[in-house]
C-alpha cells in the first residue's frame, strides 16, 4: 500500500531547537541550534513510516520573529507545493508555539489551496528527555494525510489533539496541554489506531475566502489597546498618531474599555479609524450593546484580540465600510 504524500514546511520554533543536554528544556536553541525541515525529519525518522514526506526548508527562527512577509511567503510556499505535486495529500507547517495561533488563523483566512494544512510545534525542544516534538510531528502528518481533514480550515495539532485555527489559543507557557479551545473544545483526537474527528467548524475559511495577500507588501496597520484599571487612553492616542487604520480594544469582560480609553477610541473613530471591541479574558462573545452602538464601535464576536486584529487588518484590505467589516466578523 502506497503512503500518502505530505509536504513539511519548517519555520523553526521549539520543535526545531536543540538543547545542550536532554535536561535542557529552557534556554535552548540559538545560533546553530535550530534545525531546518530536513534535519527535523532526519532526527525523527519514524515520520517516514506514515507518509512520503517532502521537506521544505523555509526558515529556522523563534516564532516571535515571524512577520507578515513570512506569512505571505508561507501562502506562496503552499501554492507551490500543490502546483509541483498534484498528488499531494496535505501540508504540515512546523512553527513555534508562541505565535502559532496567529499564523494558523491568518493562513486559515488567506490560503488558496484545497488540501489540508496542519500546524504543529512542541513545548519541549527536540533534544529533550520526554520531548513531545517527535510524536506531535507524526500526528500532524497523519492528520494532514486524512481525507476527513479537508474543508476544516487550518488545523493545529499538539498533545494528541486537533483544534481549529480560529478558536484555539495557547494557554500555558510550558505545559504540554497548552493549546485549548475554550468555548467549543477540540475537533478531534489523534490516537495510535486512528485520526478521529467529532465536529466541524461552521465559519468561513480557506479556500472559500475573499482575502488574497499574495501580491501584497504589507497589511494595514491595526493595533491592540489592552485595558487595565486606570487606563487613560494614552495607548489608543499613540496608535492614532502612529497611523493605525484599525484599533482592537482588548477590554474588560464582557467588552468594555475604561472611560479614558473610550474617549480616546471615540477620537479614533472620528478620525476614520475602525475600532473593534474584543475582550482580554479569552472566552465568550462580545455583543454590540447600547454604549458601543452610540460610540460606533464594532463587536469582535468571540475572537481573541490577536485574532480580531488579523481579521480586521485583512478586512481593511478590502473595505473601510463598517457594515461590510461587521459582515466579515460574522462570517469568519
C-alpha atoms as a PDB file:
ATOM      1  CA  UNK A   1       0.000   0.000   0.000  1.00  0.00           C
ATOM      2  CA  UNK A   2       1.452   3.371  -1.045  1.00  0.00           C
ATOM      3  CA  UNK A   3       1.984   6.073   1.539  1.00  0.00           C
ATOM      4  CA  UNK A   4       0.273   9.472   1.172  1.00  0.00           C
ATOM      5  CA  UNK A   5       2.482  12.353   0.094  1.00  0.00           C
ATOM      6  CA  UNK A   6       2.757  15.215   2.609  1.00  0.00           C
ATOM      7  CA  UNK A   7       4.885  18.368   2.437  1.00  0.00           C
ATOM      8  CA  UNK A   8       6.614  19.514   5.635  1.00  0.00           C
ATOM      9  CA  UNK A   9       7.495  23.223   5.783  1.00  0.00           C
ATOM     10  CA  UNK A  10       9.837  24.124   8.647  1.00  0.00           C
ATOM     11  CA  UNK A  11       9.834  27.615  10.158  1.00  0.00           C
ATOM     12  CA  UNK A  12      11.779  26.882  13.343  1.00  0.00           C
ATOM     13  CA  UNK A  13      10.479  27.157  16.893  1.00  0.00           C
ATOM     14  CA  UNK A  14      10.911  24.803  19.838  1.00  0.00           C
ATOM     15  CA  UNK A  15      10.252  21.710  17.711  1.00  0.00           C
ATOM     16  CA  UNK A  16      13.296  22.617  15.625  1.00  0.00           C
ATOM     17  CA  UNK A  17      15.505  23.523  18.598  1.00  0.00           C
ATOM     18  CA  UNK A  18      18.275  21.640  20.348  1.00  0.00           C
ATOM     19  CA  UNK A  19      19.462  21.986  23.918  1.00  0.00           C
ATOM     20  CA  UNK A  20      22.880  21.290  25.398  1.00  0.00           C
ATOM     21  CA  UNK A  21      21.635  18.153  27.205  1.00  0.00           C
ATOM     22  CA  UNK A  22      18.397  16.135  27.380  1.00  0.00           C
ATOM     23  CA  UNK A  23      17.562  18.041  30.573  1.00  0.00           C
ATOM     24  CA  UNK A  24      17.847  21.438  28.867  1.00  0.00           C
ATOM     25  CA  UNK A  25      14.202  22.419  28.477  1.00  0.00           C
ATOM     26  CA  UNK A  26      14.737  26.171  28.879  1.00  0.00           C
ATOM     27  CA  UNK A  27      17.368  28.378  27.200  1.00  0.00           C
ATOM     28  CA  UNK A  28      17.614  26.053  24.205  1.00  0.00           C
ATOM     29  CA  UNK A  29      18.052  26.885  20.550  1.00  0.00           C
ATOM     30  CA  UNK A  30      20.008  29.912  19.415  1.00  0.00           C
ATOM     31  CA  UNK A  31      22.500  30.272  16.547  1.00  0.00           C
ATOM     32  CA  UNK A  32      23.313  26.908  15.038  1.00  0.00           C
ATOM     33  CA  UNK A  33      20.890  25.127  17.362  1.00  0.00           C
ATOM     34  CA  UNK A  34      17.687  25.395  15.295  1.00  0.00           C
ATOM     35  CA  UNK A  35      17.152  22.717  12.655  1.00  0.00           C
ATOM     36  CA  UNK A  36      15.653  23.117   9.210  1.00  0.00           C
ATOM     37  CA  UNK A  37      12.898  20.820   7.954  1.00  0.00           C
ATOM     38  CA  UNK A  38      15.258  18.226   6.527  1.00  0.00           C
ATOM     39  CA  UNK A  39      17.187  17.948   9.799  1.00  0.00           C
ATOM     40  CA  UNK A  40      13.972  17.608  11.839  1.00  0.00           C
ATOM     41  CA  UNK A  41      12.800  14.730   9.652  1.00  0.00           C
ATOM     42  CA  UNK A  42      16.204  13.092   9.942  1.00  0.00           C
ATOM     43  CA  UNK A  43      16.016  13.353  13.734  1.00  0.00           C
ATOM     44  CA  UNK A  44      12.581  11.691  13.730  1.00  0.00           C
ATOM     45  CA  UNK A  45      12.832   9.008  11.020  1.00  0.00           C
ATOM     46  CA  UNK A  46       9.543   7.473  12.245  1.00  0.00           C
ATOM     47  CA  UNK A  47       7.782  10.194  10.251  1.00  0.00           C
ATOM     48  CA  UNK A  48       8.605   8.283   7.072  1.00  0.00           C
ATOM     49  CA  UNK A  49       6.528   5.352   8.311  1.00  0.00           C
ATOM     50  CA  UNK A  50       3.259   7.297   7.999  1.00  0.00           C
ATOM     51  CA  UNK A  51       3.834   9.269   4.777  1.00  0.00           C
ATOM     52  CA  UNK A  52       6.155  10.097   1.929  1.00  0.00           C
ATOM     53  CA  UNK A  53       7.388  13.463   3.136  1.00  0.00           C
ATOM     54  CA  UNK A  54       8.682  16.357   1.048  1.00  0.00           C
ATOM     55  CA  UNK A  55      10.860  18.631   3.243  1.00  0.00           C
ATOM     56  CA  UNK A  56      10.703  22.367   2.584  1.00  0.00           C
ATOM     57  CA  UNK A  57      13.493  24.282   4.313  1.00  0.00           C
ATOM     58  CA  UNK A  58      11.670  27.577   4.783  1.00  0.00           C
ATOM     59  CA  UNK A  59      13.153  29.324   7.822  1.00  0.00           C
ATOM     60  CA  UNK A  60      14.621  28.489  11.231  1.00  0.00           C
ATOM     61  CA  UNK A  61      13.697  31.098  13.839  1.00  0.00           C
ATOM     62  CA  UNK A  62      11.799  31.502  17.086  1.00  0.00           C
ATOM     63  CA  UNK A  63       8.152  32.248  16.316  1.00  0.00           C
ATOM     64  CA  UNK A  64       8.178  35.716  17.881  1.00  0.00           C
ATOM     65  CA  UNK A  65      10.370  36.695  14.912  1.00  0.00           C
ATOM     66  CA  UNK A  66       7.623  35.847  12.401  1.00  0.00           C
ATOM     67  CA  UNK A  67       6.339  38.769  10.297  1.00  0.00           C
ATOM     68  CA  UNK A  68       3.728  39.419   7.615  1.00  0.00           C
ATOM     69  CA  UNK A  69       6.416  38.767   4.989  1.00  0.00           C
ATOM     70  CA  UNK A  70       6.786  35.244   6.374  1.00  0.00           C
ATOM     71  CA  UNK A  71       3.011  34.728   6.377  1.00  0.00           C
ATOM     72  CA  UNK A  72       2.791  35.758   2.740  1.00  0.00           C
ATOM     73  CA  UNK A  73       5.749  33.531   1.883  1.00  0.00           C
ATOM     74  CA  UNK A  74       4.010  30.585   3.568  1.00  0.00           C
ATOM     75  CA  UNK A  75       0.906  31.185   1.436  1.00  0.00           C
ATOM     76  CA  UNK A  76       3.088  31.141  -1.680  1.00  0.00           C
ATOM     77  CA  UNK A  77       5.001  28.065  -0.468  1.00  0.00           C
ATOM     78  CA  UNK A  78       1.737  26.155  -0.063  1.00  0.00           C
ATOM     79  CA  UNK A  79       0.686  27.247  -3.555  1.00  0.00           C
ATOM     80  CA  UNK A  80       3.992  25.974  -4.913  1.00  0.00           C
ATOM     81  CA  UNK A  81       3.797  22.592  -3.167  1.00  0.00           C
ATOM     82  CA  UNK A  82       0.327  21.903  -4.531  1.00  0.00           C
ATOM     83  CA  UNK A  83       1.343  23.044  -8.014  1.00  0.00           C
ATOM     84  CA  UNK A  84       4.515  20.933  -8.073  1.00  0.00           C
ATOM     85  CA  UNK A  85       2.898  17.849  -6.538  1.00  0.00           C
ATOM     86  CA  UNK A  86      -0.635  17.281  -7.885  1.00  0.00           C
ATOM     87  CA  UNK A  87      -0.926  14.124  -5.783  1.00  0.00           C
ATOM     88  CA  UNK A  88      -0.134  15.935  -2.530  1.00  0.00           C
ATOM     89  CA  UNK A  89      -2.393  14.781   0.299  1.00  0.00           C
ATOM     90  CA  UNK A  90      -1.661  17.617   2.696  1.00  0.00           C
ATOM     91  CA  UNK A  91       0.800  20.126   4.138  1.00  0.00           C
ATOM     92  CA  UNK A  92       2.329  20.324   7.627  1.00  0.00           C
ATOM     93  CA  UNK A  93       3.935  23.534   8.875  1.00  0.00           C
ATOM     94  CA  UNK A  94       6.328  23.312  11.813  1.00  0.00           C
ATOM     95  CA  UNK A  95       6.139  26.503  13.869  1.00  0.00           C
ATOM     96  CA  UNK A  96       6.974  27.896  17.283  1.00  0.00           C
ATOM     97  CA  UNK A  97       4.068  27.847  19.699  1.00  0.00           C
ATOM     98  CA  UNK A  98       4.340  31.488  20.818  1.00  0.00           C
ATOM     99  CA  UNK A  99       2.607  32.848  17.710  1.00  0.00           C
ATOM    100  CA  UNK A 100       1.245  29.639  16.216  1.00  0.00           C
ATOM    101  CA  UNK A 101      -2.397  30.564  16.817  1.00  0.00           C
ATOM    102  CA  UNK A 102      -1.938  33.829  14.897  1.00  0.00           C
ATOM    103  CA  UNK A 103      -0.136  32.252  11.952  1.00  0.00           C
ATOM    104  CA  UNK A 104      -2.723  29.479  11.851  1.00  0.00           C
ATOM    105  CA  UNK A 105      -5.659  31.908  11.763  1.00  0.00           C
ATOM    106  CA  UNK A 106      -4.010  34.137   9.168  1.00  0.00           C
ATOM    107  CA  UNK A 107      -3.360  31.157   6.899  1.00  0.00           C
ATOM    108  CA  UNK A 108      -6.863  29.821   7.506  1.00  0.00           C
ATOM    109  CA  UNK A 109      -8.185  33.112   6.093  1.00  0.00           C
ATOM    110  CA  UNK A 110      -5.784  33.512   3.171  1.00  0.00           C
ATOM    111  CA  UNK A 111      -4.647  30.165   1.739  1.00  0.00           C
ATOM    112  CA  UNK A 112      -5.922  29.220  -1.715  1.00  0.00           C
ATOM    113  CA  UNK A 113      -5.102  25.500  -1.741  1.00  0.00           C
ATOM    114  CA  UNK A 114      -7.644  22.713  -1.356  1.00  0.00           C
ATOM    115  CA  UNK A 115      -5.529  20.242   0.645  1.00  0.00           C
ATOM    116  CA  UNK A 116      -5.474  20.075   4.466  1.00  0.00           C
ATOM    117  CA  UNK A 117      -2.907  22.327   6.146  1.00  0.00           C
ATOM    118  CA  UNK A 118      -1.835  21.420   9.672  1.00  0.00           C
ATOM    119  CA  UNK A 119       0.363  23.445  12.016  1.00  0.00           C
ATOM    120  CA  UNK A 120       2.478  21.695  14.603  1.00  0.00           C
ATOM    121  CA  UNK A 121       5.040  22.561  17.240  1.00  0.00           C
ATOM    122  CA  UNK A 122       6.214  21.390  20.621  1.00  0.00           C
ATOM    123  CA  UNK A 123       6.584  22.622  24.167  1.00  0.00           C
ATOM    124  CA  UNK A 124       9.961  20.945  24.634  1.00  0.00           C
ATOM    125  CA  UNK A 125      12.969  21.023  22.321  1.00  0.00           C
ATOM    126  CA  UNK A 126      13.656  18.108  20.013  1.00  0.00           C
ATOM    127  CA  UNK A 127      16.585  17.041  22.186  1.00  0.00           C
ATOM    128  CA  UNK A 128      14.664  16.956  25.482  1.00  0.00           C
ATOM    129  CA  UNK A 129      14.055  13.944  27.686  1.00  0.00           C
ATOM    130  CA  UNK A 130      10.366  13.022  27.239  1.00  0.00           C
ATOM    131  CA  UNK A 131      10.113  15.599  24.486  1.00  0.00           C
ATOM    132  CA  UNK A 132       6.840  15.992  22.586  1.00  0.00           C
ATOM    133  CA  UNK A 133       8.240  17.089  19.220  1.00  0.00           C
ATOM    134  CA  UNK A 134       8.524  13.697  17.519  1.00  0.00           C
ATOM    135  CA  UNK A 135       5.048  12.354  18.258  1.00  0.00           C
ATOM    136  CA  UNK A 136       3.446  15.746  17.619  1.00  0.00           C
ATOM    137  CA  UNK A 137       5.043  15.762  14.167  1.00  0.00           C
ATOM    138  CA  UNK A 138       3.969  12.204  13.362  1.00  0.00           C
ATOM    139  CA  UNK A 139       0.418  13.011  14.454  1.00  0.00           C
ATOM    140  CA  UNK A 140       0.306  16.215  12.398  1.00  0.00           C
ATOM    141  CA  UNK A 141       1.416  14.297   9.302  1.00  0.00           C
ATOM    142  CA  UNK A 142      -1.287  11.704   9.905  1.00  0.00           C
ATOM    143  CA  UNK A 143      -3.927  14.427  10.206  1.00  0.00           C
ATOM    144  CA  UNK A 144      -2.720  16.233   7.071  1.00  0.00           C
ATOM    145  CA  UNK A 145      -2.987  12.971   5.144  1.00  0.00           C
ATOM    146  CA  UNK A 146      -6.525  12.298   6.361  1.00  0.00           C
ATOM    147  CA  UNK A 147      -9.351  12.995   3.873  1.00  0.00           C
ATOM    148  CA  UNK A 148     -11.512  13.950   6.878  1.00  0.00           C
ATOM    149  CA  UNK A 149      -9.271  16.991   7.482  1.00  0.00           C
ATOM    150  CA  UNK A 150     -10.376  18.699   4.268  1.00  0.00           C
ATOM    151  CA  UNK A 151     -12.543  21.787   4.477  1.00  0.00           C
ATOM    152  CA  UNK A 152     -11.935  22.441   8.186  1.00  0.00           C
ATOM    153  CA  UNK A 153      -9.560  25.366   7.810  1.00  0.00           C
ATOM    154  CA  UNK A 154      -6.031  25.262   9.120  1.00  0.00           C
ATOM    155  CA  UNK A 155      -5.694  22.771  11.971  1.00  0.00           C
ATOM    156  CA  UNK A 156      -3.394  22.896  14.996  1.00  0.00           C
ATOM    157  CA  UNK A 157      -2.160  19.524  16.271  1.00  0.00           C
ATOM    158  CA  UNK A 158      -0.304  19.073  19.564  1.00  0.00           C
ATOM    159  CA  UNK A 159      -0.670  16.745  22.537  1.00  0.00           C
ATOM    160  CA  UNK A 160      -2.780  14.253  20.520  1.00  0.00           C
ATOM    161  CA  UNK A 161      -5.499  16.897  19.952  1.00  0.00           C
ATOM    162  CA  UNK A 162      -6.836  18.606  16.831  1.00  0.00           C
ATOM    163  CA  UNK A 163      -8.004  22.214  17.182  1.00  0.00           C
ATOM    164  CA  UNK A 164      -9.415  24.728  14.715  1.00  0.00           C
ATOM    165  CA  UNK A 165      -7.199  27.719  13.920  1.00  0.00           C
ATOM    166  CA  UNK A 166      -9.967  30.243  14.560  1.00  0.00           C
ATOM    167  CA  UNK A 167     -10.734  29.043  18.062  1.00  0.00           C
ATOM    168  CA  UNK A 168      -7.531  27.721  19.588  1.00  0.00           C
ATOM    169  CA  UNK A 169      -5.217  29.634  21.937  1.00  0.00           C
ATOM    170  CA  UNK A 170      -2.003  28.928  23.774  1.00  0.00           C
ATOM    171  CA  UNK A 171      -2.913  28.864  27.464  1.00  0.00           C
ATOM    172  CA  UNK A 172       0.253  27.778  29.298  1.00  0.00           C
ATOM    173  CA  UNK A 173       3.868  28.814  28.986  1.00  0.00           C
ATOM    174  CA  UNK A 174       5.364  25.327  29.308  1.00  0.00           C
ATOM    175  CA  UNK A 175       2.727  22.631  29.954  1.00  0.00           C
ATOM    176  CA  UNK A 176       2.169  20.112  27.159  1.00  0.00           C
ATOM    177  CA  UNK A 177      -1.608  20.678  27.132  1.00  0.00           C
ATOM    178  CA  UNK A 178      -1.156  24.351  26.322  1.00  0.00           C
ATOM    179  CA  UNK A 179      -3.386  24.611  23.219  1.00  0.00           C
ATOM    180  CA  UNK A 180      -7.052  24.839  24.154  1.00  0.00           C
ATOM    181  CA  UNK A 181     -10.333  25.835  22.541  1.00  0.00           C
ATOM    182  CA  UNK A 182     -12.068  27.430  25.496  1.00  0.00           C
ATOM    183  CA  UNK A 183     -15.626  27.738  24.214  1.00  0.00           C
ATOM    184  CA  UNK A 184     -16.016  24.693  21.980  1.00  0.00           C
ATOM    185  CA  UNK A 185     -13.345  22.076  22.615  1.00  0.00           C
ATOM    186  CA  UNK A 186     -11.263  20.045  20.207  1.00  0.00           C
ATOM    187  CA  UNK A 187     -12.338  18.985  16.725  1.00  0.00           C
ATOM    188  CA  UNK A 188     -10.859  15.565  17.209  1.00  0.00           C
ATOM    189  CA  UNK A 189      -8.047  13.447  18.560  1.00  0.00           C
ATOM    190  CA  UNK A 190      -5.094  11.516  17.195  1.00  0.00           C
ATOM    191  CA  UNK A 191      -4.779   8.068  18.731  1.00  0.00           C
ATOM    192  CA  UNK A 192      -2.493   5.188  17.944  1.00  0.00           C
ATOM    193  CA  UNK A 193      -5.059   3.459  15.786  1.00  0.00           C
ATOM    194  CA  UNK A 194      -6.880   6.354  14.100  1.00  0.00           C
ATOM    195  CA  UNK A 195      -7.363  10.044  13.432  1.00  0.00           C
ATOM    196  CA  UNK A 196     -10.828  10.686  14.871  1.00  0.00           C
ATOM    197  CA  UNK A 197     -12.904  13.826  14.168  1.00  0.00           C
ATOM    198  CA  UNK A 198     -16.050  14.656  16.160  1.00  0.00           C
ATOM    199  CA  UNK A 199     -17.195  18.081  14.934  1.00  0.00           C
ATOM    200  CA  UNK A 200     -16.727  20.588  12.117  1.00  0.00           C
ATOM    201  CA  UNK A 201     -16.298  24.394  12.288  1.00  0.00           C
ATOM    202  CA  UNK A 202     -19.027  26.471  10.627  1.00  0.00           C
ATOM    203  CA  UNK A 203     -17.218  29.757   9.941  1.00  0.00           C
ATOM    204  CA  UNK A 204     -15.720  30.514   6.512  1.00  0.00           C
ATOM    205  CA  UNK A 205     -12.086  29.627   5.913  1.00  0.00           C
ATOM    206  CA  UNK A 206      -9.719  28.754   3.085  1.00  0.00           C
ATOM    207  CA  UNK A 207     -10.118  28.102   0.210  1.00  0.00           C
ATOM    208  CA  UNK A 208     -13.564  29.769   0.440  1.00  0.00           C
ATOM    209  CA  UNK A 209     -12.164  33.138   1.476  1.00  0.00           C
ATOM    210  CA  UNK A 210     -12.328  36.591  -0.090  1.00  0.00           C
ATOM    211  CA  UNK A 211      -8.873  37.605   1.138  1.00  0.00           C
ATOM    212  CA  UNK A 212      -5.809  37.356  -1.118  1.00  0.00           C
ATOM    213  CA  UNK A 213      -2.443  38.591   0.151  1.00  0.00           C
ATOM    214  CA  UNK A 214      -0.218  37.019  -2.494  1.00  0.00           C
ATOM    215  CA  UNK A 215       0.574  40.361  -4.170  1.00  0.00           C
ATOM    216  CA  UNK A 216       0.670  42.491  -1.001  1.00  0.00           C
ATOM    217  CA  UNK A 217       3.739  44.010   0.608  1.00  0.00           C
ATOM    218  CA  UNK A 218       2.087  44.747   3.972  1.00  0.00           C
ATOM    219  CA  UNK A 219      -1.193  44.701   5.850  1.00  0.00           C
ATOM    220  CA  UNK A 220      -2.938  47.868   7.027  1.00  0.00           C
ATOM    221  CA  UNK A 221      -1.741  48.845  10.479  1.00  0.00           C
ATOM    222  CA  UNK A 222      -4.018  47.550  13.246  1.00  0.00           C
ATOM    223  CA  UNK A 223      -3.008  47.864  16.912  1.00  0.00           C
ATOM    224  CA  UNK A 224      -4.318  46.356  20.154  1.00  0.00           C
ATOM    225  CA  UNK A 225      -5.150  48.539  23.157  1.00  0.00           C
ATOM    226  CA  UNK A 226      -5.106  46.403  26.328  1.00  0.00           C
ATOM    227  CA  UNK A 227      -7.430  47.549  29.117  1.00  0.00           C
ATOM    228  CA  UNK A 228      -6.375  47.735  32.753  1.00  0.00           C
ATOM    229  CA  UNK A 229      -7.616  49.577  35.801  1.00  0.00           C
ATOM    230  CA  UNK A 230      -6.915  53.280  35.370  1.00  0.00           C
ATOM    231  CA  UNK A 231      -6.040  53.138  31.657  1.00  0.00           C
ATOM    232  CA  UNK A 232      -6.227  56.745  30.483  1.00  0.00           C
ATOM    233  CA  UNK A 233      -6.364  56.407  26.696  1.00  0.00           C
ATOM    234  CA  UNK A 234      -2.669  57.046  26.067  1.00  0.00           C
ATOM    235  CA  UNK A 235      -2.312  53.808  24.121  1.00  0.00           C
ATOM    236  CA  UNK A 236      -5.147  54.435  21.602  1.00  0.00           C
ATOM    237  CA  UNK A 237      -3.909  58.009  21.097  1.00  0.00           C
ATOM    238  CA  UNK A 238      -0.405  56.701  20.414  1.00  0.00           C
ATOM    239  CA  UNK A 239      -1.834  54.300  17.836  1.00  0.00           C
ATOM    240  CA  UNK A 240      -3.744  57.156  16.196  1.00  0.00           C
ATOM    241  CA  UNK A 241      -0.511  59.152  15.980  1.00  0.00           C
ATOM    242  CA  UNK A 242       1.317  56.117  14.555  1.00  0.00           C
ATOM    243  CA  UNK A 243      -1.119  55.921  11.632  1.00  0.00           C
ATOM    244  CA  UNK A 244      -3.303  52.990  12.640  1.00  0.00           C
ATOM    245  CA  UNK A 245      -6.197  52.221  10.337  1.00  0.00           C
ATOM    246  CA  UNK A 246      -7.779  49.978  12.935  1.00  0.00           C
ATOM    247  CA  UNK A 247      -7.655  49.521  16.704  1.00  0.00           C
ATOM    248  CA  UNK A 248      -8.762  46.446  18.637  1.00  0.00           C
ATOM    249  CA  UNK A 249      -9.756  47.221  22.195  1.00  0.00           C
ATOM    250  CA  UNK A 250      -8.914  44.270  24.457  1.00  0.00           C
ATOM    251  CA  UNK A 251     -11.413  45.354  27.075  1.00  0.00           C
ATOM    252  CA  UNK A 252     -12.813  44.060  30.317  1.00  0.00           C
ATOM    253  CA  UNK A 253     -15.377  41.268  30.008  1.00  0.00           C
ATOM    254  CA  UNK A 254     -17.959  41.247  28.534  1.00  0.00           C
ATOM    255  CA  UNK A 255     -16.432  44.020  26.409  1.00  0.00           C
ATOM    256  CA  UNK A 256     -15.759  47.424  27.959  1.00  0.00           C
ATOM    257  CA  UNK A 257     -12.844  49.854  27.915  1.00  0.00           C
ATOM    258  CA  UNK A 258     -12.214  52.367  30.716  1.00  0.00           C
ATOM    259  CA  UNK A 259     -13.819  55.836  30.401  1.00  0.00           C
ATOM    260  CA  UNK A 260     -10.429  57.265  29.399  1.00  0.00           C
ATOM    261  CA  UNK A 261      -9.949  54.631  26.737  1.00  0.00           C
ATOM    262  CA  UNK A 262     -13.490  55.102  25.427  1.00  0.00           C
ATOM    263  CA  UNK A 263     -12.869  58.811  24.956  1.00  0.00           C
ATOM    264  CA  UNK A 264      -9.692  58.078  23.002  1.00  0.00           C
ATOM    265  CA  UNK A 265     -11.403  55.376  20.933  1.00  0.00           C
ATOM    266  CA  UNK A 266     -14.152  57.827  20.017  1.00  0.00           C
ATOM    267  CA  UNK A 267     -11.426  60.192  18.828  1.00  0.00           C
ATOM    268  CA  UNK A 268     -10.068  57.384  16.684  1.00  0.00           C
ATOM    269  CA  UNK A 269     -13.477  56.766  15.125  1.00  0.00           C
ATOM    270  CA  UNK A 270     -13.864  60.485  14.418  1.00  0.00           C
ATOM    271  CA  UNK A 271     -10.529  60.296  12.582  1.00  0.00           C
ATOM    272  CA  UNK A 272     -11.824  57.488  10.346  1.00  0.00           C
ATOM    273  CA  UNK A 273     -10.171  54.606  12.207  1.00  0.00           C
ATOM    274  CA  UNK A 274     -12.175  51.386  12.598  1.00  0.00           C
ATOM    275  CA  UNK A 275     -12.444  50.332  16.258  1.00  0.00           C
ATOM    276  CA  UNK A 276     -13.254  46.753  17.194  1.00  0.00           C
ATOM    277  CA  UNK A 277     -14.163  45.710  20.738  1.00  0.00           C
ATOM    278  CA  UNK A 278     -12.750  42.412  21.963  1.00  0.00           C
ATOM    279  CA  UNK A 279     -12.092  41.212  25.482  1.00  0.00           C
ATOM    280  CA  UNK A 280      -8.954  40.254  27.353  1.00  0.00           C
ATOM    281  CA  UNK A 281     -10.427  37.134  29.034  1.00  0.00           C
ATOM    282  CA  UNK A 282     -10.066  34.719  26.090  1.00  0.00           C
ATOM    283  CA  UNK A 283     -13.568  33.256  26.065  1.00  0.00           C
ATOM    284  CA  UNK A 284     -17.104  34.320  25.200  1.00  0.00           C
ATOM    285  CA  UNK A 285     -18.762  36.706  22.765  1.00  0.00           C
ATOM    286  CA  UNK A 286     -18.644  40.473  22.778  1.00  0.00           C
ATOM    287  CA  UNK A 287     -22.082  41.771  21.855  1.00  0.00           C
ATOM    288  CA  UNK A 288     -22.884  45.205  20.478  1.00  0.00           C
ATOM    289  CA  UNK A 289     -24.640  46.954  23.352  1.00  0.00           C
ATOM    290  CA  UNK A 290     -26.001  50.473  23.575  1.00  0.00           C
ATOM    291  CA  UNK A 291     -22.719  52.161  24.510  1.00  0.00           C
ATOM    292  CA  UNK A 292     -20.882  50.509  21.626  1.00  0.00           C
ATOM    293  CA  UNK A 293     -23.626  51.400  19.149  1.00  0.00           C
ATOM    294  CA  UNK A 294     -23.639  55.029  20.262  1.00  0.00           C
ATOM    295  CA  UNK A 295     -19.853  55.238  20.022  1.00  0.00           C
ATOM    296  CA  UNK A 296     -19.644  53.465  16.648  1.00  0.00           C
ATOM    297  CA  UNK A 297     -17.515  50.601  17.989  1.00  0.00           C
ATOM    298  CA  UNK A 298     -17.832  47.197  16.303  1.00  0.00           C
ATOM    299  CA  UNK A 299     -18.004  43.845  18.098  1.00  0.00           C
ATOM    300  CA  UNK A 300     -15.299  41.204  17.605  1.00  0.00           C
ATOM    301  CA  UNK A 301     -17.667  38.303  18.395  1.00  0.00           C
ATOM    302  CA  UNK A 302     -15.645  35.683  20.312  1.00  0.00           C
ATOM    303  CA  UNK A 303     -12.282  36.295  18.643  1.00  0.00           C
ATOM    304  CA  UNK A 304      -9.335  36.942  20.922  1.00  0.00           C
ATOM    305  CA  UNK A 305      -7.740  40.389  20.483  1.00  0.00           C
ATOM    306  CA  UNK A 306      -4.824  38.995  18.489  1.00  0.00           C
ATOM    307  CA  UNK A 307      -7.134  37.189  16.088  1.00  0.00           C
ATOM    308  CA  UNK A 308      -9.532  40.128  15.823  1.00  0.00           C
ATOM    309  CA  UNK A 309      -6.500  42.190  14.813  1.00  0.00           C
ATOM    310  CA  UNK A 310      -5.730  39.770  11.966  1.00  0.00           C
ATOM    311  CA  UNK A 311      -9.278  39.681  10.623  1.00  0.00           C
ATOM    312  CA  UNK A 312      -9.653  43.468  10.884  1.00  0.00           C
ATOM    313  CA  UNK A 313      -6.372  44.017   9.027  1.00  0.00           C
ATOM    314  CA  UNK A 314      -7.485  41.663   6.253  1.00  0.00           C
ATOM    315  CA  UNK A 315     -10.928  43.278   6.147  1.00  0.00           C
ATOM    316  CA  UNK A 316      -9.282  46.673   5.688  1.00  0.00           C
ATOM    317  CA  UNK A 317      -7.521  45.374   2.583  1.00  0.00           C
ATOM    318  CA  UNK A 318     -10.984  45.086   1.051  1.00  0.00           C
ATOM    319  CA  UNK A 319     -13.045  47.944   2.515  1.00  0.00           C
ATOM    320  CA  UNK A 320     -13.406  50.608   5.195  1.00  0.00           C
ATOM    321  CA  UNK A 321     -17.189  50.267   5.252  1.00  0.00           C
ATOM    322  CA  UNK A 322     -18.157  49.294   8.789  1.00  0.00           C
ATOM    323  CA  UNK A 323     -21.219  47.327   7.657  1.00  0.00           C
ATOM    324  CA  UNK A 324     -19.048  45.186   5.398  1.00  0.00           C
ATOM    325  CA  UNK A 325     -16.498  44.689   8.163  1.00  0.00           C
ATOM    326  CA  UNK A 326     -19.271  43.629  10.541  1.00  0.00           C
ATOM    327  CA  UNK A 327     -20.424  41.122   7.929  1.00  0.00           C
ATOM    328  CA  UNK A 328     -16.921  39.658   7.731  1.00  0.00           C
ATOM    329  CA  UNK A 329     -16.697  39.250  11.507  1.00  0.00           C
ATOM    330  CA  UNK A 330     -19.980  37.340  11.432  1.00  0.00           C
ATOM    331  CA  UNK A 331     -18.884  35.076   8.580  1.00  0.00           C
ATOM    332  CA  UNK A 332     -15.286  34.371   9.571  1.00  0.00           C
END
